[in-house]
N, C-alpha and C. Protein backbone atom coordinates (compact mmCIF):
# COMPACT_ATOMS: atom_id res chain seq x y z
N UNK A 1 39.71 102.02 -124.57
CA UNK A 1 38.46 101.32 -124.64
C UNK A 1 37.66 101.54 -123.35
N UNK A 2 38.30 101.37 -122.22
CA UNK A 2 37.60 101.55 -120.95
C UNK A 2 37.13 102.98 -120.77
N UNK A 3 37.99 103.91 -121.17
CA UNK A 3 37.62 105.32 -121.01
C UNK A 3 36.43 105.65 -121.90
N UNK A 4 36.44 105.16 -123.12
CA UNK A 4 35.32 105.46 -124.01
C UNK A 4 34.02 104.84 -123.49
N UNK A 5 34.13 103.65 -122.89
CA UNK A 5 32.93 103.05 -122.27
C UNK A 5 32.45 103.89 -121.10
N UNK A 6 33.38 104.40 -120.31
CA UNK A 6 33.01 105.24 -119.17
C UNK A 6 32.37 106.54 -119.64
N UNK A 7 32.90 107.12 -120.71
CA UNK A 7 32.32 108.36 -121.24
C UNK A 7 30.90 108.10 -121.75
N UNK A 8 30.72 106.97 -122.42
CA UNK A 8 29.38 106.61 -122.91
C UNK A 8 28.42 106.40 -121.74
N UNK A 9 28.87 105.66 -120.72
CA UNK A 9 28.03 105.43 -119.55
C UNK A 9 27.71 106.75 -118.85
N UNK A 10 28.69 107.64 -118.78
CA UNK A 10 28.48 108.96 -118.17
C UNK A 10 27.40 109.72 -118.93
N UNK A 11 27.48 109.69 -120.24
CA UNK A 11 26.48 110.38 -121.06
C UNK A 11 25.09 109.78 -120.82
N UNK A 12 25.01 108.44 -120.80
CA UNK A 12 23.72 107.78 -120.57
C UNK A 12 23.17 108.11 -119.18
N UNK A 13 24.03 108.12 -118.17
CA UNK A 13 23.59 108.46 -116.81
C UNK A 13 23.09 109.89 -116.73
N UNK A 14 23.78 110.81 -117.40
CA UNK A 14 23.34 112.21 -117.39
C UNK A 14 21.97 112.36 -118.06
N UNK A 15 21.76 111.61 -119.16
CA UNK A 15 20.47 111.65 -119.83
C UNK A 15 19.37 111.10 -118.91
N UNK A 16 19.68 110.02 -118.18
CA UNK A 16 18.72 109.42 -117.27
C UNK A 16 18.36 110.40 -116.16
N UNK A 17 19.35 111.06 -115.58
CA UNK A 17 19.09 112.04 -114.51
C UNK A 17 18.28 113.21 -115.06
N UNK A 18 18.61 113.63 -116.27
CA UNK A 18 17.87 114.74 -116.88
C UNK A 18 16.39 114.37 -117.05
N UNK A 19 16.14 113.15 -117.51
CA UNK A 19 14.75 112.71 -117.69
C UNK A 19 14.02 112.60 -116.36
N UNK A 20 14.74 112.08 -115.34
CA UNK A 20 14.11 111.98 -114.01
C UNK A 20 13.79 113.36 -113.46
N UNK A 21 14.70 114.28 -113.63
CA UNK A 21 14.51 115.64 -113.11
C UNK A 21 13.33 116.32 -113.79
N UNK A 22 13.21 116.11 -115.10
CA UNK A 22 12.12 116.74 -115.85
C UNK A 22 10.81 115.97 -115.74
N UNK A 23 10.86 114.78 -115.09
CA UNK A 23 9.65 113.98 -114.91
C UNK A 23 9.23 113.24 -116.15
N UNK A 24 10.14 113.04 -117.10
CA UNK A 24 9.81 112.32 -118.33
C UNK A 24 9.78 110.82 -118.09
N UNK A 25 9.18 110.12 -119.04
CA UNK A 25 9.05 108.67 -118.94
C UNK A 25 10.39 108.00 -119.21
N UNK A 26 10.73 107.01 -118.37
CA UNK A 26 11.89 106.15 -118.60
C UNK A 26 11.49 104.71 -118.28
N UNK A 27 12.08 103.77 -118.99
CA UNK A 27 11.80 102.37 -118.70
C UNK A 27 12.34 101.98 -117.33
N UNK A 28 13.44 102.58 -116.93
CA UNK A 28 14.02 102.26 -115.63
C UNK A 28 13.13 102.74 -114.49
N UNK A 29 12.42 103.80 -114.72
CA UNK A 29 11.58 104.36 -113.67
C UNK A 29 10.11 104.06 -113.81
N UNK A 30 9.75 103.19 -114.72
CA UNK A 30 8.35 102.94 -115.03
C UNK A 30 7.57 102.38 -113.84
N UNK A 31 8.13 101.45 -113.09
CA UNK A 31 7.40 100.83 -111.98
C UNK A 31 7.90 101.29 -110.62
N UNK A 32 8.63 102.39 -110.58
CA UNK A 32 9.18 102.87 -109.31
C UNK A 32 8.32 103.98 -108.73
N UNK A 33 8.31 104.02 -107.41
CA UNK A 33 7.60 105.11 -106.75
C UNK A 33 8.48 106.37 -106.82
N UNK A 34 7.95 107.48 -106.42
CA UNK A 34 8.71 108.73 -106.50
C UNK A 34 9.91 108.70 -105.56
N UNK A 35 9.76 108.06 -104.39
CA UNK A 35 10.91 107.98 -103.48
C UNK A 35 11.99 107.07 -104.06
N UNK A 36 11.58 105.99 -104.74
CA UNK A 36 12.55 105.11 -105.39
C UNK A 36 13.25 105.83 -106.54
N UNK A 37 12.48 106.67 -107.24
CA UNK A 37 13.09 107.44 -108.33
C UNK A 37 14.11 108.43 -107.79
N UNK A 38 13.80 109.05 -106.66
CA UNK A 38 14.74 109.99 -106.03
C UNK A 38 15.99 109.26 -105.57
N UNK A 39 15.79 108.07 -105.00
CA UNK A 39 16.94 107.26 -104.56
C UNK A 39 17.79 106.86 -105.76
N UNK A 40 17.14 106.44 -106.84
CA UNK A 40 17.86 106.06 -108.06
C UNK A 40 18.61 107.26 -108.62
N UNK A 41 17.97 108.43 -108.59
CA UNK A 41 18.61 109.65 -109.08
C UNK A 41 19.86 109.96 -108.25
N UNK A 42 19.77 109.82 -106.94
CA UNK A 42 20.92 110.06 -106.07
C UNK A 42 22.05 109.09 -106.37
N UNK A 43 21.70 107.81 -106.55
CA UNK A 43 22.71 106.80 -106.87
C UNK A 43 23.38 107.10 -108.21
N UNK A 44 22.59 107.51 -109.18
CA UNK A 44 23.15 107.81 -110.50
C UNK A 44 24.04 109.05 -110.42
N UNK A 45 23.62 110.04 -109.64
CA UNK A 45 24.46 111.24 -109.48
C UNK A 45 25.80 110.89 -108.83
N UNK A 46 25.77 109.99 -107.85
CA UNK A 46 27.02 109.54 -107.22
C UNK A 46 27.88 108.79 -108.23
N UNK A 47 27.22 107.95 -109.04
CA UNK A 47 27.96 107.21 -110.06
C UNK A 47 28.56 108.16 -111.10
N UNK A 48 27.83 109.22 -111.44
CA UNK A 48 28.34 110.22 -112.38
C UNK A 48 29.59 110.88 -111.80
N UNK A 49 29.51 111.28 -110.53
CA UNK A 49 30.67 111.93 -109.90
C UNK A 49 31.88 110.99 -109.88
N UNK A 50 31.64 109.71 -109.55
CA UNK A 50 32.75 108.74 -109.51
C UNK A 50 33.31 108.50 -110.91
N UNK A 51 32.44 108.42 -111.89
CA UNK A 51 32.90 108.21 -113.27
C UNK A 51 33.72 109.39 -113.76
N UNK A 52 33.30 110.61 -113.41
CA UNK A 52 34.08 111.79 -113.79
C UNK A 52 35.47 111.75 -113.15
N UNK A 53 35.54 111.34 -111.88
CA UNK A 53 36.85 111.21 -111.22
C UNK A 53 37.69 110.12 -111.89
N UNK A 54 37.03 109.02 -112.25
CA UNK A 54 37.75 107.93 -112.92
C UNK A 54 38.34 108.38 -114.25
N UNK A 55 37.56 109.14 -115.01
CA UNK A 55 38.04 109.63 -116.31
C UNK A 55 39.24 110.54 -116.11
N UNK A 56 39.18 111.43 -115.14
CA UNK A 56 40.33 112.29 -114.84
C UNK A 56 41.54 111.46 -114.41
N UNK A 57 41.30 110.44 -113.58
CA UNK A 57 42.39 109.58 -113.13
C UNK A 57 43.00 108.80 -114.28
N UNK A 58 42.16 108.33 -115.22
CA UNK A 58 42.70 107.61 -116.37
C UNK A 58 43.63 108.51 -117.18
N UNK A 59 43.25 109.77 -117.33
CA UNK A 59 44.11 110.70 -118.05
C UNK A 59 45.43 110.90 -117.31
N UNK A 60 45.36 111.00 -115.99
CA UNK A 60 46.58 111.17 -115.18
C UNK A 60 47.47 109.93 -115.29
N UNK A 61 46.86 108.77 -115.16
CA UNK A 61 47.62 107.52 -115.28
C UNK A 61 48.23 107.39 -116.67
N UNK A 62 47.46 107.77 -117.67
CA UNK A 62 47.97 107.71 -119.05
C UNK A 62 49.20 108.61 -119.21
N UNK A 63 49.15 109.82 -118.66
CA UNK A 63 50.30 110.72 -118.75
C UNK A 63 51.50 110.13 -118.04
N UNK A 64 51.29 109.55 -116.84
CA UNK A 64 52.40 108.91 -116.12
C UNK A 64 52.99 107.75 -116.92
N UNK A 65 52.13 106.93 -117.51
CA UNK A 65 52.61 105.80 -118.29
C UNK A 65 53.40 106.24 -119.53
N UNK A 66 52.92 107.28 -120.18
CA UNK A 66 53.63 107.78 -121.36
C UNK A 66 55.02 108.28 -120.96
N UNK A 67 55.10 109.02 -119.88
CA UNK A 67 56.40 109.52 -119.42
C UNK A 67 57.28 108.35 -119.00
N UNK A 68 56.72 107.39 -118.26
CA UNK A 68 57.49 106.23 -117.82
C UNK A 68 58.03 105.45 -119.01
N UNK A 69 57.17 105.20 -119.99
CA UNK A 69 57.61 104.45 -121.17
C UNK A 69 58.69 105.20 -121.94
N UNK A 70 58.47 106.50 -122.13
CA UNK A 70 59.42 107.28 -122.92
C UNK A 70 60.74 107.50 -122.20
N UNK A 71 60.70 107.72 -120.91
CA UNK A 71 61.91 108.09 -120.17
C UNK A 71 62.64 106.90 -119.54
N UNK A 72 61.92 105.84 -119.19
CA UNK A 72 62.55 104.76 -118.43
C UNK A 72 62.47 103.42 -119.17
N UNK A 73 61.27 102.96 -119.44
CA UNK A 73 61.07 101.59 -119.93
C UNK A 73 61.70 101.35 -121.30
N UNK A 74 61.41 102.22 -122.26
CA UNK A 74 61.91 102.00 -123.62
C UNK A 74 63.43 102.13 -123.69
N UNK A 75 64.05 103.18 -123.10
CA UNK A 75 65.51 103.23 -123.12
C UNK A 75 66.16 102.04 -122.41
N UNK A 76 65.57 101.60 -121.31
CA UNK A 76 66.11 100.44 -120.59
C UNK A 76 65.98 99.18 -121.45
N UNK A 77 64.86 99.03 -122.11
CA UNK A 77 64.64 97.90 -123.00
C UNK A 77 65.66 97.91 -124.13
N UNK A 78 65.85 99.09 -124.74
CA UNK A 78 66.83 99.20 -125.83
C UNK A 78 68.23 98.85 -125.35
N UNK A 79 68.60 99.36 -124.19
CA UNK A 79 69.93 99.09 -123.65
C UNK A 79 70.12 97.60 -123.40
N UNK A 80 69.11 96.95 -122.85
CA UNK A 80 69.18 95.51 -122.60
C UNK A 80 69.35 94.75 -123.91
N UNK A 81 68.60 95.14 -124.92
CA UNK A 81 68.70 94.47 -126.21
C UNK A 81 70.06 94.71 -126.85
N UNK A 82 70.61 95.91 -126.73
CA UNK A 82 71.94 96.20 -127.27
C UNK A 82 72.99 95.33 -126.59
N UNK A 83 72.90 95.22 -125.28
CA UNK A 83 73.87 94.40 -124.53
C UNK A 83 73.76 92.94 -124.97
N UNK A 84 72.54 92.44 -125.11
CA UNK A 84 72.35 91.06 -125.55
C UNK A 84 72.90 90.86 -126.97
N UNK A 85 72.67 91.83 -127.85
CA UNK A 85 73.16 91.73 -129.23
C UNK A 85 74.69 91.72 -129.25
N UNK A 86 75.30 92.63 -128.50
CA UNK A 86 76.76 92.70 -128.47
C UNK A 86 77.34 91.41 -127.91
N UNK A 87 76.76 90.90 -126.84
CA UNK A 87 77.22 89.64 -126.25
C UNK A 87 77.10 88.50 -127.26
N UNK A 88 75.99 88.42 -127.96
CA UNK A 88 75.79 87.37 -128.95
C UNK A 88 76.79 87.50 -130.09
N UNK A 89 77.03 88.74 -130.55
CA UNK A 89 77.99 88.94 -131.64
C UNK A 89 79.41 88.62 -131.20
N UNK A 90 79.75 88.90 -129.95
CA UNK A 90 81.08 88.54 -129.46
C UNK A 90 81.24 87.02 -129.45
N UNK A 91 80.22 86.31 -128.98
CA UNK A 91 80.27 84.84 -128.99
C UNK A 91 80.36 84.30 -130.40
N UNK A 92 79.57 84.87 -131.31
CA UNK A 92 79.60 84.45 -132.71
C UNK A 92 80.97 84.69 -133.32
N UNK A 93 81.54 85.87 -133.06
CA UNK A 93 82.87 86.20 -133.59
C UNK A 93 83.92 85.25 -133.05
N UNK A 94 83.86 84.96 -131.76
CA UNK A 94 84.82 84.03 -131.15
C UNK A 94 84.71 82.65 -131.79
N UNK A 95 83.49 82.17 -131.99
CA UNK A 95 83.29 80.88 -132.64
C UNK A 95 83.83 80.89 -134.07
N UNK A 96 83.60 81.97 -134.80
CA UNK A 96 84.09 82.06 -136.17
C UNK A 96 85.62 82.12 -136.21
N UNK A 97 86.22 82.82 -135.25
CA UNK A 97 87.69 82.85 -135.19
C UNK A 97 88.24 81.46 -134.92
N UNK A 98 87.64 80.73 -134.00
CA UNK A 98 88.07 79.36 -133.74
C UNK A 98 87.87 78.47 -134.96
N UNK A 99 86.75 78.64 -135.63
CA UNK A 99 86.47 77.88 -136.85
C UNK A 99 87.50 78.21 -137.94
N UNK A 100 87.82 79.48 -138.09
CA UNK A 100 88.82 79.89 -139.09
C UNK A 100 90.18 79.29 -138.74
N UNK A 101 90.53 79.27 -137.46
CA UNK A 101 91.81 78.67 -137.03
C UNK A 101 91.83 77.18 -137.36
N UNK A 102 90.70 76.49 -137.13
CA UNK A 102 90.62 75.06 -137.46
C UNK A 102 90.77 74.84 -138.97
N UNK A 103 90.14 75.72 -139.78
CA UNK A 103 90.28 75.62 -141.24
C UNK A 103 91.73 75.84 -141.65
N UNK A 104 92.35 76.85 -141.06
CA UNK A 104 93.76 77.15 -141.37
C UNK A 104 94.64 75.96 -141.03
N UNK A 105 94.42 75.37 -139.85
CA UNK A 105 95.22 74.21 -139.45
C UNK A 105 94.99 73.03 -140.40
N UNK A 106 93.74 72.80 -140.76
CA UNK A 106 93.39 71.69 -141.65
C UNK A 106 94.07 71.86 -143.01
N UNK A 107 93.93 73.05 -143.60
CA UNK A 107 94.53 73.28 -144.91
C UNK A 107 96.05 73.35 -144.82
N UNK A 108 96.57 73.82 -143.71
CA UNK A 108 98.03 73.81 -143.53
C UNK A 108 98.55 72.39 -143.46
N UNK A 109 97.86 71.52 -142.72
CA UNK A 109 98.26 70.11 -142.65
C UNK A 109 98.16 69.44 -144.02
N UNK A 110 97.10 69.77 -144.74
CA UNK A 110 96.93 69.21 -146.08
C UNK A 110 98.05 69.66 -147.00
N UNK A 111 98.43 70.92 -146.91
CA UNK A 111 99.51 71.46 -147.72
C UNK A 111 100.82 70.77 -147.37
N UNK A 112 101.09 70.62 -146.09
CA UNK A 112 102.31 69.94 -145.65
C UNK A 112 102.33 68.49 -146.15
N UNK A 113 101.18 67.85 -146.14
CA UNK A 113 101.09 66.47 -146.61
C UNK A 113 101.40 66.39 -148.11
N UNK A 114 100.88 67.34 -148.87
CA UNK A 114 101.16 67.35 -150.32
C UNK A 114 102.60 67.68 -150.61
N UNK A 115 103.25 68.50 -149.76
CA UNK A 115 104.66 68.83 -149.95
C UNK A 115 105.54 67.60 -149.74
N UNK A 116 105.04 66.64 -148.96
CA UNK A 116 105.83 65.44 -148.66
C UNK A 116 106.04 64.60 -149.92
N UNK A 117 105.25 64.77 -150.94
CA UNK A 117 105.38 64.02 -152.16
C UNK A 117 106.44 64.57 -153.11
N UNK A 118 106.96 65.72 -152.84
CA UNK A 118 108.02 66.37 -153.63
C UNK A 118 107.71 66.37 -155.13
N UNK A 119 106.56 66.78 -155.47
CA UNK A 119 106.19 66.88 -156.89
C UNK A 119 106.41 68.32 -157.33
N UNK A 120 107.10 68.38 -158.50
CA UNK A 120 107.40 69.71 -159.00
C UNK A 120 106.71 69.98 -160.29
């Protein structure tokens, strides 16, 4: 989004400089003297140069971020999630084993209690 806004602004600035250079009418330059127009043209040219550098820098930053995400951040995130999942499943399994042992003990006691009645 920012880059597209910068590209649009760059295009608008280039059009403005082109009109100033050719001496065409612009609303921005309507009430300005020729020295003010030259000063405005210089400022816009500097802004154009800075915007071009910014666009190049955004592309460089984007490439760095893509590499960082692909090589470091996403694998690290996946590894962290795998460790958390395994830890959670180990805890769940341990709880289920304890629960199963409690069920076994309960039903074993119940069975022993019914055996005490000696019914055949």
